[in-house]
Amino acid sequence: MNMAVKNIDGGKALVYHKEYPLEVHFTRESWNGRMKACRAIGASLAEHEISAWEQEHIKLLSEIAPAEFDILHYGAIAELKMIK
C-alpha cells in the first residue's frame, strides 16, 4: 500500500508501508520456547512457576500439536524519510 507522505514523529515521514501474512514454522520444542519467551511467562513468573508451566505446556503440545506446524504471523515494512 503506497501512502502519501505523512508526518508521524516530529521530523519523520511515513513514505511507504506494507503488511503481509507469513507462515512461521515451529516444532513443539521451538513453540514452547517461543511461548516461554513471551512476557506473560518468562518475564513475569518465578523460576519454579516457569518450570511447572513448561512441563505442563510440553505435555499439552504432545497431546494436541503435530511434531511440526506453521503459525500465521504478520510482517510489516515501513519506509521513513526525514523531513525538514
N, C-alpha and C. Protein backbone atom coordinates (compact mmCIF):
# COMPACT_ATOMS: atom_id res chain seq x y z
N MET A 1 0.84 -1.16 0.00
CA MET A 1 0.00 0.00 0.00
C MET A 1 0.89 1.23 0.00
N ASN A 2 0.81 2.06 -1.00
CA ASN A 2 1.53 3.32 -1.03
C ASN A 2 0.73 4.36 -0.28
N MET A 3 1.42 5.19 0.43
CA MET A 3 0.73 6.21 1.21
C MET A 3 1.35 7.56 0.92
N ALA A 4 0.57 8.59 1.04
CA ALA A 4 1.09 9.94 0.91
C ALA A 4 2.04 10.20 2.07
N VAL A 5 3.00 11.10 1.86
CA VAL A 5 3.93 11.44 2.92
C VAL A 5 3.14 11.99 4.10
N LYS A 6 3.39 11.44 5.28
CA LYS A 6 2.66 11.83 6.48
C LYS A 6 3.64 11.97 7.63
N ASN A 7 3.62 13.11 8.28
CA ASN A 7 4.49 13.36 9.42
C ASN A 7 4.02 12.49 10.58
N ILE A 8 4.89 11.55 11.01
CA ILE A 8 4.48 10.63 12.07
C ILE A 8 5.19 10.85 13.39
N ASP A 9 6.31 11.57 13.36
CA ASP A 9 7.05 11.68 14.62
C ASP A 9 8.03 12.84 14.54
N GLY A 10 7.53 14.04 14.62
CA GLY A 10 8.38 15.23 14.67
C GLY A 10 9.59 15.19 13.75
N GLY A 11 9.39 15.21 12.47
CA GLY A 11 10.50 15.25 11.53
C GLY A 11 10.70 13.96 10.76
N LYS A 12 9.91 12.94 11.03
CA LYS A 12 9.98 11.71 10.25
C LYS A 12 8.65 11.54 9.53
N ALA A 13 8.75 11.13 8.28
CA ALA A 13 7.53 10.93 7.49
C ALA A 13 7.45 9.49 7.03
N LEU A 14 6.25 8.95 7.06
CA LEU A 14 6.00 7.61 6.53
C LEU A 14 5.76 7.76 5.04
N VAL A 15 6.68 7.20 4.25
CA VAL A 15 6.60 7.30 2.80
C VAL A 15 5.91 6.08 2.21
N TYR A 16 6.18 4.90 2.78
CA TYR A 16 5.63 3.66 2.24
C TYR A 16 5.43 2.68 3.39
N HIS A 17 4.37 1.90 3.30
CA HIS A 17 4.08 0.93 4.34
C HIS A 17 3.41 -0.27 3.72
N LYS A 18 3.81 -1.46 4.13
CA LYS A 18 3.20 -2.68 3.62
C LYS A 18 3.15 -3.71 4.74
N GLU A 19 2.03 -4.41 4.84
CA GLU A 19 1.88 -5.54 5.77
C GLU A 19 1.60 -6.77 4.94
N TYR A 20 2.08 -7.90 5.43
CA TYR A 20 1.88 -9.14 4.69
C TYR A 20 1.83 -10.32 5.65
N PRO A 21 1.01 -11.32 5.32
CA PRO A 21 0.97 -12.53 6.15
C PRO A 21 2.17 -13.42 5.85
N LEU A 22 2.63 -14.15 6.84
CA LEU A 22 3.68 -15.12 6.62
C LEU A 22 3.52 -16.29 7.57
N GLU A 23 3.82 -17.46 7.09
CA GLU A 23 3.76 -18.67 7.91
C GLU A 23 5.13 -18.87 8.56
N VAL A 24 5.16 -19.01 9.87
CA VAL A 24 6.41 -19.25 10.59
C VAL A 24 6.37 -20.70 11.08
N HIS A 25 7.41 -21.45 10.72
CA HIS A 25 7.48 -22.87 11.03
C HIS A 25 8.00 -23.10 12.45
N PHE A 26 7.34 -23.99 13.18
CA PHE A 26 7.74 -24.33 14.54
C PHE A 26 7.72 -25.84 14.73
N THR A 27 8.51 -26.31 15.67
CA THR A 27 8.36 -27.65 16.22
C THR A 27 7.69 -27.47 17.58
N ARG A 28 7.29 -28.55 18.19
CA ARG A 28 6.73 -28.42 19.54
C ARG A 28 7.71 -27.73 20.47
N GLU A 29 8.98 -28.12 20.35
CA GLU A 29 10.02 -27.56 21.23
C GLU A 29 10.23 -26.07 20.96
N SER A 30 10.28 -25.69 19.68
CA SER A 30 10.52 -24.28 19.39
C SER A 30 9.30 -23.42 19.74
N TRP A 31 8.08 -23.98 19.60
CA TRP A 31 6.89 -23.23 20.02
C TRP A 31 6.88 -23.05 21.54
N ASN A 32 7.26 -24.10 22.26
CA ASN A 32 7.37 -23.99 23.71
C ASN A 32 8.35 -22.88 24.08
N GLY A 33 9.48 -22.84 23.41
CA GLY A 33 10.46 -21.78 23.68
C GLY A 33 9.94 -20.40 23.34
N ARG A 34 9.20 -20.31 22.25
CA ARG A 34 8.61 -19.02 21.85
C ARG A 34 7.62 -18.54 22.90
N MET A 35 6.79 -19.44 23.38
CA MET A 35 5.81 -19.06 24.39
C MET A 35 6.48 -18.76 25.73
N LYS A 36 7.54 -19.50 26.05
CA LYS A 36 8.28 -19.26 27.30
C LYS A 36 8.93 -17.87 27.27
N ALA A 37 9.35 -17.43 26.10
CA ALA A 37 9.99 -16.12 25.97
C ALA A 37 8.98 -14.97 26.04
N CYS A 38 7.71 -15.28 25.94
CA CYS A 38 6.65 -14.28 25.99
C CYS A 38 6.68 -13.58 27.34
N ARG A 39 6.37 -12.31 27.35
CA ARG A 39 6.43 -11.55 28.61
C ARG A 39 5.46 -12.06 29.67
N ALA A 40 4.41 -12.76 29.26
CA ALA A 40 3.47 -13.29 30.25
C ALA A 40 4.01 -14.52 30.97
N ILE A 41 5.06 -15.12 30.44
CA ILE A 41 5.64 -16.32 31.06
C ILE A 41 7.02 -15.99 31.63
N GLY A 42 8.00 -15.94 30.76
CA GLY A 42 9.39 -15.80 31.20
C GLY A 42 9.70 -14.54 31.99
N ALA A 43 9.02 -13.46 31.67
CA ALA A 43 9.34 -12.20 32.34
C ALA A 43 8.49 -11.92 33.57
N SER A 44 7.46 -12.74 33.79
CA SER A 44 6.57 -12.40 34.90
C SER A 44 6.36 -13.51 35.92
N LEU A 45 6.93 -14.69 35.67
CA LEU A 45 6.77 -15.79 36.62
C LEU A 45 8.07 -16.07 37.35
N ALA A 46 7.96 -16.61 38.54
CA ALA A 46 9.14 -17.05 39.29
C ALA A 46 9.71 -18.30 38.62
N GLU A 47 10.96 -18.59 38.89
CA GLU A 47 11.64 -19.73 38.25
C GLU A 47 10.89 -21.04 38.43
N HIS A 48 10.40 -21.32 39.63
CA HIS A 48 9.67 -22.58 39.86
C HIS A 48 8.34 -22.60 39.10
N GLU A 49 7.72 -21.43 38.94
CA GLU A 49 6.48 -21.35 38.17
C GLU A 49 6.73 -21.55 36.68
N ILE A 50 7.83 -21.04 36.19
CA ILE A 50 8.21 -21.24 34.78
C ILE A 50 8.44 -22.72 34.52
N SER A 51 9.14 -23.38 35.42
CA SER A 51 9.41 -24.81 35.28
C SER A 51 8.12 -25.61 35.24
N ALA A 52 7.19 -25.31 36.14
CA ALA A 52 5.90 -26.01 36.17
C ALA A 52 5.11 -25.72 34.90
N TRP A 53 5.09 -24.46 34.46
CA TRP A 53 4.39 -24.10 33.23
C TRP A 53 4.98 -24.86 32.04
N GLU A 54 6.31 -24.90 31.98
CA GLU A 54 6.97 -25.54 30.84
C GLU A 54 6.63 -27.03 30.77
N GLN A 55 6.64 -27.72 31.89
CA GLN A 55 6.29 -29.15 31.90
C GLN A 55 4.86 -29.36 31.43
N GLU A 56 3.95 -28.54 31.93
CA GLU A 56 2.54 -28.66 31.53
C GLU A 56 2.36 -28.33 30.05
N HIS A 57 3.04 -27.31 29.57
CA HIS A 57 2.92 -26.89 28.18
C HIS A 57 3.47 -27.95 27.23
N ILE A 58 4.61 -28.52 27.55
CA ILE A 58 5.19 -29.58 26.71
C ILE A 58 4.25 -30.78 26.67
N LYS A 59 3.65 -31.14 27.79
CA LYS A 59 2.70 -32.25 27.83
C LYS A 59 1.49 -31.93 26.95
N LEU A 60 0.94 -30.74 27.06
CA LEU A 60 -0.19 -30.33 26.24
C LEU A 60 0.15 -30.39 24.76
N LEU A 61 1.30 -29.86 24.39
CA LEU A 61 1.69 -29.87 22.98
C LEU A 61 1.82 -31.30 22.45
N SER A 62 2.33 -32.22 23.27
CA SER A 62 2.46 -33.61 22.81
C SER A 62 1.10 -34.24 22.57
N GLU A 63 0.06 -33.71 23.22
CA GLU A 63 -1.30 -34.25 23.07
C GLU A 63 -2.08 -33.59 21.93
N ILE A 64 -1.83 -32.32 21.65
CA ILE A 64 -2.69 -31.60 20.70
C ILE A 64 -2.01 -31.12 19.43
N ALA A 65 -0.69 -31.09 19.39
CA ALA A 65 0.00 -30.50 18.25
C ALA A 65 0.82 -31.55 17.50
N PRO A 66 0.88 -31.43 16.17
CA PRO A 66 1.78 -32.30 15.43
C PRO A 66 3.23 -31.96 15.78
N ALA A 67 4.16 -32.81 15.39
CA ALA A 67 5.57 -32.58 15.71
C ALA A 67 6.08 -31.27 15.12
N GLU A 68 5.57 -30.88 13.95
CA GLU A 68 5.94 -29.62 13.30
C GLU A 68 4.68 -28.97 12.76
N PHE A 69 4.63 -27.64 12.78
CA PHE A 69 3.45 -26.92 12.32
C PHE A 69 3.82 -25.48 12.00
N ASP A 70 2.93 -24.80 11.30
CA ASP A 70 3.12 -23.39 10.94
C ASP A 70 2.11 -22.54 11.70
N ILE A 71 2.54 -21.35 12.10
CA ILE A 71 1.67 -20.39 12.76
C ILE A 71 1.66 -19.12 11.92
N LEU A 72 0.47 -18.62 11.64
CA LEU A 72 0.34 -17.40 10.85
C LEU A 72 0.79 -16.19 11.66
N HIS A 73 1.70 -15.42 11.08
CA HIS A 73 2.17 -14.16 11.65
C HIS A 73 1.95 -13.07 10.60
N TYR A 74 2.22 -11.86 10.98
CA TYR A 74 2.17 -10.76 10.02
C TYR A 74 3.47 -9.99 10.09
N GLY A 75 4.01 -9.69 8.93
CA GLY A 75 5.21 -8.87 8.85
C GLY A 75 4.82 -7.48 8.36
N ALA A 76 5.66 -6.53 8.61
CA ALA A 76 5.39 -5.17 8.15
C ALA A 76 6.70 -4.48 7.83
N ILE A 77 6.66 -3.66 6.82
CA ILE A 77 7.81 -2.82 6.49
C ILE A 77 7.33 -1.39 6.40
N ALA A 78 8.19 -0.49 6.73
CA ALA A 78 7.86 0.94 6.65
C ALA A 78 9.09 1.68 6.16
N GLU A 79 8.90 2.56 5.20
CA GLU A 79 9.97 3.44 4.73
C GLU A 79 9.72 4.81 5.32
N LEU A 80 10.69 5.30 6.08
CA LEU A 80 10.58 6.62 6.69
C LEU A 80 11.54 7.58 6.02
N LYS A 81 11.18 8.82 6.01
CA LYS A 81 12.01 9.85 5.40
C LYS A 81 12.08 11.03 6.37
N MET A 82 13.28 11.55 6.55
CA MET A 82 13.44 12.75 7.38
C MET A 82 12.90 13.94 6.60
N ILE A 83 12.11 14.75 7.28
CA ILE A 83 11.58 15.95 6.64
C ILE A 83 12.05 17.16 7.44
N LYS A 84 12.14 18.27 6.76
CA LYS A 84 12.61 19.50 7.41
C LYS A 84 11.48 20.45 7.65
